[in-house]
Amino acid sequence: MSFYDEKTEKEGRHRLKDPARFKSFFRRRSKSAPGVVYLMGIPKTGDGAEVQALRFQLSKWPEKKAAAWYAKNQEHVEAQEQHKGTTHHEGQQKSEGGGGAWIVIVIVTVIVIGIGGAFAWRRYRSEG
């Protein structure tokens, strides 16, 4: 039995779930395995995204090597699934919306403006 369900000139394709279950798809590159792409599917029913298939760059991933990687990393692949409210990506959990990032940006901006204003005020007072 072949690990790749299908091959193109540049990639090997390994299907994990029936594509008919999904209404749309997007790709996510693996950060830990160069040349591996997760084909994520948005289910027709339910929330989040699921790994529908894997794409392997053939120049980096001959079929036996890809099959061995998948056997070793199957739990890691399943952890790529996104559920409503959270995103599981490369083993790290991240909240949707990025609210924490906005707080950091605002705080840094206030600090920079405050420091710049203090220097401008000192220069104004020393010149006048």
N, C-alpha and C. Protein backbone atom coordinates (compact mmCIF):
# COMPACT_ATOMS: atom_id res chain seq x y z
N MET A 1 0.85 -1.19 0.00
CA MET A 1 0.00 0.00 0.00
C MET A 1 0.89 1.25 0.00
N SER A 2 0.55 2.20 -0.80
CA SER A 2 1.32 3.42 -0.94
C SER A 2 0.91 4.45 0.12
N PHE A 3 1.88 5.14 0.70
CA PHE A 3 1.58 6.20 1.67
C PHE A 3 0.94 7.39 0.97
N TYR A 4 1.51 7.76 -0.19
CA TYR A 4 0.93 8.87 -0.94
C TYR A 4 -0.31 8.38 -1.69
N ASP A 5 -1.43 9.04 -1.43
CA ASP A 5 -2.66 8.71 -2.13
C ASP A 5 -2.60 9.21 -3.57
N GLU A 6 -1.83 10.27 -3.76
CA GLU A 6 -1.72 10.91 -5.07
C GLU A 6 -0.39 11.66 -5.11
N LYS A 7 0.17 11.79 -6.31
CA LYS A 7 1.40 12.56 -6.50
C LYS A 7 1.20 13.52 -7.66
N THR A 8 1.78 14.71 -7.51
CA THR A 8 1.90 15.63 -8.63
C THR A 8 3.38 15.68 -8.96
N GLU A 9 3.76 16.57 -9.83
CA GLU A 9 5.17 16.70 -10.18
C GLU A 9 6.02 17.13 -8.98
N LYS A 10 5.42 17.92 -8.08
CA LYS A 10 6.19 18.51 -6.98
C LYS A 10 5.83 18.02 -5.59
N GLU A 11 4.63 17.41 -5.42
CA GLU A 11 4.24 17.04 -4.07
C GLU A 11 3.56 15.68 -3.99
N GLY A 12 3.73 15.05 -2.81
CA GLY A 12 3.02 13.83 -2.49
C GLY A 12 1.87 14.20 -1.57
N ARG A 13 0.74 13.55 -1.75
CA ARG A 13 -0.46 13.90 -0.99
C ARG A 13 -0.93 12.70 -0.18
N HIS A 14 -1.14 12.94 1.11
CA HIS A 14 -1.63 11.89 2.00
C HIS A 14 -2.93 12.37 2.63
N ARG A 15 -4.02 11.72 2.29
CA ARG A 15 -5.35 12.12 2.76
C ARG A 15 -5.61 11.50 4.13
N LEU A 16 -6.11 12.33 5.05
CA LEU A 16 -6.47 11.86 6.38
C LEU A 16 -7.99 11.77 6.56
N LYS A 17 -8.73 12.69 5.93
CA LYS A 17 -10.19 12.74 6.07
C LYS A 17 -10.81 13.02 4.71
N ASP A 18 -12.04 12.57 4.54
CA ASP A 18 -12.78 12.75 3.29
C ASP A 18 -13.01 14.24 3.02
N PRO A 19 -12.56 14.76 1.88
CA PRO A 19 -12.74 16.19 1.58
C PRO A 19 -14.21 16.61 1.46
N ALA A 20 -15.11 15.68 1.24
CA ALA A 20 -16.54 16.02 1.12
C ALA A 20 -17.11 16.54 2.45
N ARG A 21 -16.40 16.30 3.57
CA ARG A 21 -16.86 16.77 4.88
C ARG A 21 -16.65 18.28 5.08
N PHE A 22 -15.91 18.92 4.16
CA PHE A 22 -15.48 20.29 4.38
C PHE A 22 -16.08 21.25 3.35
N LYS A 23 -16.31 22.50 3.83
CA LYS A 23 -16.86 23.51 2.93
C LYS A 23 -15.77 24.36 2.28
N SER A 24 -14.60 24.46 2.92
CA SER A 24 -13.48 25.20 2.32
C SER A 24 -12.17 24.71 2.94
N PHE A 25 -11.07 25.13 2.31
CA PHE A 25 -9.75 24.66 2.72
C PHE A 25 -8.75 25.81 2.75
N PHE A 26 -7.70 25.64 3.54
CA PHE A 26 -6.56 26.54 3.50
C PHE A 26 -5.32 25.73 3.87
N ARG A 27 -4.16 26.26 3.48
CA ARG A 27 -2.89 25.57 3.74
C ARG A 27 -2.16 26.22 4.90
N ARG A 28 -1.46 25.40 5.66
CA ARG A 28 -0.62 25.90 6.74
C ARG A 28 0.72 25.16 6.66
N ARG A 29 1.80 25.91 6.50
CA ARG A 29 3.13 25.30 6.45
C ARG A 29 3.56 24.86 7.84
N SER A 30 4.23 23.74 7.89
CA SER A 30 4.77 23.25 9.16
C SER A 30 6.01 24.07 9.51
N LYS A 31 6.09 24.52 10.75
CA LYS A 31 7.28 25.23 11.20
C LYS A 31 8.38 24.26 11.62
N SER A 32 8.00 23.05 11.99
CA SER A 32 8.97 22.09 12.49
C SER A 32 9.47 21.12 11.43
N ALA A 33 8.79 21.05 10.30
CA ALA A 33 9.18 20.11 9.24
C ALA A 33 9.12 20.83 7.89
N PRO A 34 10.21 21.46 7.47
CA PRO A 34 10.22 22.16 6.18
C PRO A 34 9.82 21.23 5.03
N GLY A 35 8.95 21.73 4.17
CA GLY A 35 8.49 20.94 3.04
C GLY A 35 7.20 20.18 3.31
N VAL A 36 6.66 20.34 4.54
CA VAL A 36 5.39 19.70 4.88
C VAL A 36 4.34 20.79 5.02
N VAL A 37 3.18 20.56 4.41
CA VAL A 37 2.07 21.51 4.48
C VAL A 37 0.84 20.76 4.97
N TYR A 38 0.13 21.39 5.92
CA TYR A 38 -1.14 20.86 6.40
C TYR A 38 -2.24 21.46 5.54
N LEU A 39 -3.08 20.63 4.95
CA LEU A 39 -4.26 21.11 4.25
C LEU A 39 -5.39 21.08 5.27
N MET A 40 -5.80 22.27 5.70
CA MET A 40 -6.81 22.41 6.74
C MET A 40 -8.18 22.57 6.10
N GLY A 41 -9.17 21.91 6.68
CA GLY A 41 -10.53 22.00 6.17
C GLY A 41 -11.47 22.61 7.19
N ILE A 42 -12.35 23.47 6.73
CA ILE A 42 -13.41 24.04 7.56
C ILE A 42 -14.61 23.11 7.39
N PRO A 43 -15.03 22.43 8.47
CA PRO A 43 -16.13 21.46 8.33
C PRO A 43 -17.45 22.12 7.92
N LYS A 44 -18.27 21.36 7.20
CA LYS A 44 -19.59 21.83 6.83
C LYS A 44 -20.47 21.99 8.07
N THR A 45 -20.23 21.16 9.07
CA THR A 45 -20.94 21.27 10.35
C THR A 45 -19.90 21.39 11.46
N GLY A 46 -20.18 22.19 12.45
CA GLY A 46 -19.25 22.36 13.56
C GLY A 46 -18.38 23.59 13.39
N ASP A 47 -17.49 23.77 14.35
CA ASP A 47 -16.62 24.94 14.38
C ASP A 47 -15.17 24.54 14.16
N GLY A 48 -14.32 25.54 13.92
CA GLY A 48 -12.88 25.32 13.85
C GLY A 48 -12.41 24.81 12.51
N ALA A 49 -11.25 24.16 12.54
CA ALA A 49 -10.65 23.60 11.33
C ALA A 49 -10.00 22.27 11.70
N GLU A 50 -9.93 21.39 10.72
CA GLU A 50 -9.34 20.07 10.93
C GLU A 50 -8.30 19.82 9.85
N VAL A 51 -7.31 18.98 10.17
CA VAL A 51 -6.32 18.59 9.18
C VAL A 51 -7.00 17.57 8.26
N GLN A 52 -7.18 17.97 7.01
CA GLN A 52 -7.83 17.07 6.04
C GLN A 52 -6.78 16.20 5.34
N ALA A 53 -5.60 16.79 5.07
CA ALA A 53 -4.57 16.05 4.34
C ALA A 53 -3.21 16.68 4.61
N LEU A 54 -2.19 15.94 4.23
CA LEU A 54 -0.81 16.44 4.32
C LEU A 54 -0.24 16.50 2.91
N ARG A 55 0.56 17.52 2.67
CA ARG A 55 1.26 17.67 1.40
C ARG A 55 2.76 17.67 1.70
N PHE A 56 3.50 16.86 0.97
CA PHE A 56 4.94 16.73 1.17
C PHE A 56 5.68 17.13 -0.10
N GLN A 57 6.62 18.04 0.02
CA GLN A 57 7.45 18.45 -1.11
C GLN A 57 8.33 17.25 -1.49
N LEU A 58 8.16 16.73 -2.69
CA LEU A 58 8.84 15.49 -3.08
C LEU A 58 10.36 15.61 -3.08
N SER A 59 10.89 16.80 -3.36
CA SER A 59 12.35 16.94 -3.38
C SER A 59 12.96 16.78 -1.98
N LYS A 60 12.14 16.98 -0.93
CA LYS A 60 12.62 16.83 0.45
C LYS A 60 12.06 15.58 1.13
N TRP A 61 10.94 15.07 0.63
CA TRP A 61 10.22 14.00 1.31
C TRP A 61 9.90 12.84 0.38
N PRO A 62 10.87 11.95 0.14
CA PRO A 62 10.53 10.72 -0.58
C PRO A 62 9.45 9.97 0.22
N GLU A 63 8.72 9.11 -0.44
CA GLU A 63 7.55 8.49 0.18
C GLU A 63 7.85 7.74 1.49
N LYS A 64 8.92 6.99 1.52
CA LYS A 64 9.26 6.24 2.75
C LYS A 64 9.59 7.19 3.90
N LYS A 65 10.31 8.25 3.60
CA LYS A 65 10.67 9.23 4.64
C LYS A 65 9.41 9.93 5.16
N ALA A 66 8.49 10.29 4.26
CA ALA A 66 7.25 10.94 4.67
C ALA A 66 6.41 10.00 5.53
N ALA A 67 6.32 8.74 5.15
CA ALA A 67 5.54 7.77 5.93
C ALA A 67 6.13 7.59 7.33
N ALA A 68 7.46 7.55 7.42
CA ALA A 68 8.12 7.42 8.72
C ALA A 68 7.88 8.66 9.57
N TRP A 69 7.95 9.85 8.95
CA TRP A 69 7.70 11.10 9.69
C TRP A 69 6.28 11.11 10.24
N TYR A 70 5.31 10.72 9.40
CA TYR A 70 3.92 10.72 9.85
C TYR A 70 3.70 9.72 10.99
N ALA A 71 4.28 8.55 10.88
CA ALA A 71 4.13 7.55 11.94
C ALA A 71 4.67 8.08 13.27
N LYS A 72 5.76 8.81 13.21
CA LYS A 72 6.38 9.37 14.42
C LYS A 72 5.62 10.59 14.94
N ASN A 73 4.99 11.36 14.04
CA ASN A 73 4.39 12.65 14.40
C ASN A 73 2.87 12.69 14.29
N GLN A 74 2.22 11.55 14.31
CA GLN A 74 0.77 11.52 14.13
C GLN A 74 0.04 12.35 15.19
N GLU A 75 0.45 12.27 16.44
CA GLU A 75 -0.18 13.07 17.50
C GLU A 75 0.04 14.56 17.25
N HIS A 76 1.24 14.91 16.80
CA HIS A 76 1.57 16.31 16.50
C HIS A 76 0.67 16.82 15.38
N VAL A 77 0.44 16.02 14.36
CA VAL A 77 -0.42 16.41 13.24
C VAL A 77 -1.83 16.65 13.74
N GLU A 78 -2.34 15.77 14.57
CA GLU A 78 -3.69 15.93 15.10
C GLU A 78 -3.81 17.17 15.99
N ALA A 79 -2.71 17.59 16.61
CA ALA A 79 -2.72 18.78 17.47
C ALA A 79 -2.83 20.06 16.66
N GLN A 80 -2.74 19.99 15.34
CA GLN A 80 -2.85 21.17 14.50
C GLN A 80 -4.29 21.62 14.32
N GLU A 81 -5.24 20.82 14.79
CA GLU A 81 -6.64 21.15 14.60
C GLU A 81 -7.03 22.36 15.45
N GLN A 82 -7.88 23.19 14.88
CA GLN A 82 -8.36 24.41 15.54
C GLN A 82 -9.81 24.19 15.96
N HIS A 83 -10.10 24.63 17.16
CA HIS A 83 -11.46 24.53 17.67
C HIS A 83 -11.92 25.92 18.07
N LYS A 84 -13.20 26.13 18.10
CA LYS A 84 -13.75 27.44 18.41
C LYS A 84 -13.15 27.96 19.72
N GLY A 85 -12.59 29.17 19.67
CA GLY A 85 -12.02 29.81 20.85
C GLY A 85 -10.54 29.61 21.02
N THR A 86 -9.98 28.55 20.46
CA THR A 86 -8.54 28.33 20.60
C THR A 86 -7.96 27.84 19.29
N THR A 87 -6.68 28.04 19.14
CA THR A 87 -5.96 27.53 17.99
C THR A 87 -4.84 26.67 18.50
N HIS A 88 -4.76 25.43 18.04
CA HIS A 88 -3.66 24.55 18.40
C HIS A 88 -2.72 24.55 17.20
N HIS A 89 -1.52 25.06 17.36
CA HIS A 89 -0.58 25.16 16.26
C HIS A 89 0.81 24.80 16.73
N GLU A 90 1.39 23.81 16.10
CA GLU A 90 2.74 23.36 16.44
C GLU A 90 2.89 23.14 17.94
N GLY A 91 1.85 22.60 18.58
CA GLY A 91 1.92 22.23 19.97
C GLY A 91 1.73 23.38 20.95
N GLN A 92 1.41 24.56 20.46
CA GLN A 92 1.22 25.70 21.35
C GLN A 92 -0.22 26.16 21.27
N GLN A 93 -0.77 26.59 22.40
CA GLN A 93 -2.15 27.07 22.41
C GLN A 93 -2.15 28.59 22.32
N LYS A 94 -3.06 29.12 21.54
CA LYS A 94 -3.13 30.57 21.32
C LYS A 94 -4.59 30.98 21.28
N SER A 95 -4.95 32.04 21.96
CA SER A 95 -6.32 32.53 21.94
C SER A 95 -6.61 33.21 20.61
N GLU A 96 -7.84 33.06 20.14
CA GLU A 96 -8.23 33.77 18.92
C GLU A 96 -8.40 35.25 19.24
N GLY A 97 -8.17 36.09 18.27
CA GLY A 97 -8.38 37.52 18.43
C GLY A 97 -7.12 38.29 18.76
N GLY A 98 -6.16 37.69 19.41
CA GLY A 98 -4.90 38.36 19.72
C GLY A 98 -5.05 39.55 20.63
N GLY A 99 -5.98 39.53 21.58
CA GLY A 99 -6.22 40.66 22.47
C GLY A 99 -4.99 41.05 23.27
N GLY A 100 -4.20 40.09 23.69
CA GLY A 100 -2.99 40.37 24.46
C GLY A 100 -1.97 41.17 23.67
N ALA A 101 -1.88 40.90 22.38
CA ALA A 101 -0.93 41.62 21.53
C ALA A 101 -1.29 43.10 21.45
N TRP A 102 -2.58 43.40 21.37
CA TRP A 102 -3.01 44.80 21.30
C TRP A 102 -2.66 45.56 22.57
N ILE A 103 -2.78 44.92 23.70
CA ILE A 103 -2.43 45.57 24.96
C ILE A 103 -0.95 45.92 24.98
N VAL A 104 -0.11 45.01 24.54
CA VAL A 104 1.33 45.27 24.50
C VAL A 104 1.64 46.43 23.57
N ILE A 105 1.00 46.46 22.41
CA ILE A 105 1.24 47.54 21.44
C ILE A 105 0.85 48.89 22.05
N VAL A 106 -0.29 48.94 22.70
CA VAL A 106 -0.74 50.19 23.31
C VAL A 106 0.22 50.64 24.41
N ILE A 107 0.63 49.73 25.26
CA ILE A 107 1.56 50.09 26.35
C ILE A 107 2.88 50.61 25.80
N VAL A 108 3.44 49.91 24.82
CA VAL A 108 4.71 50.35 24.23
C VAL A 108 4.55 51.71 23.58
N THR A 109 3.45 51.94 22.88
CA THR A 109 3.21 53.24 22.24
C THR A 109 3.14 54.35 23.27
N VAL A 110 2.44 54.13 24.36
CA VAL A 110 2.32 55.14 25.41
C VAL A 110 3.69 55.44 26.01
N ILE A 111 4.49 54.42 26.23
CA ILE A 111 5.83 54.62 26.79
C ILE A 111 6.70 55.43 25.83
N VAL A 112 6.68 55.06 24.56
CA VAL A 112 7.51 55.77 23.56
C VAL A 112 7.08 57.22 23.45
N ILE A 113 5.79 57.47 23.39
CA ILE A 113 5.30 58.85 23.30
C ILE A 113 5.68 59.62 24.56
N GLY A 114 5.53 58.97 25.71
CA GLY A 114 5.89 59.63 26.97
C GLY A 114 7.36 59.99 27.04
N ILE A 115 8.23 59.10 26.64
CA ILE A 115 9.67 59.37 26.66
C ILE A 115 10.01 60.48 25.67
N GLY A 116 9.43 60.38 24.45
CA GLY A 116 9.68 61.41 23.45
C GLY A 116 9.20 62.78 23.91
N GLY A 117 8.03 62.82 24.55
CA GLY A 117 7.48 64.07 25.06
C GLY A 117 8.35 64.66 26.16
N ALA A 118 8.89 63.80 27.04
CA ALA A 118 9.75 64.28 28.12
C ALA A 118 11.02 64.90 27.55
N PHE A 119 11.62 64.29 26.57
CA PHE A 119 12.83 64.85 25.96
C PHE A 119 12.52 66.18 25.26
N ALA A 120 11.38 66.25 24.57
CA ALA A 120 11.00 67.48 23.89
C ALA A 120 10.78 68.60 24.91
N TRP A 121 10.14 68.30 26.02
CA TRP A 121 9.88 69.29 27.07
C TRP A 121 11.19 69.80 27.66
N ARG A 122 12.13 68.90 27.92
CA ARG A 122 13.44 69.30 28.48
C ARG A 122 14.18 70.19 27.48
N ARG A 123 14.15 69.84 26.21
CA ARG A 123 14.83 70.65 25.20
C ARG A 123 14.18 72.02 25.11
N TYR A 124 12.86 72.08 25.14
CA TYR A 124 12.13 73.36 25.07
C TYR A 124 12.50 74.24 26.26
N ARG A 125 12.55 73.65 27.45
CA ARG A 125 12.86 74.43 28.66
C ARG A 125 14.31 74.92 28.65
N SER A 126 15.23 74.10 28.11
CA SER A 126 16.64 74.49 28.12
C SER A 126 16.93 75.57 27.06
N GLU A 127 16.13 75.62 25.99
CA GLU A 127 16.35 76.61 24.94
C GLU A 127 15.67 77.94 25.27
N GLY A 128 14.68 77.93 26.08
CA GLY A 128 13.89 79.13 26.30
C GLY A 128 14.10 79.77 27.59
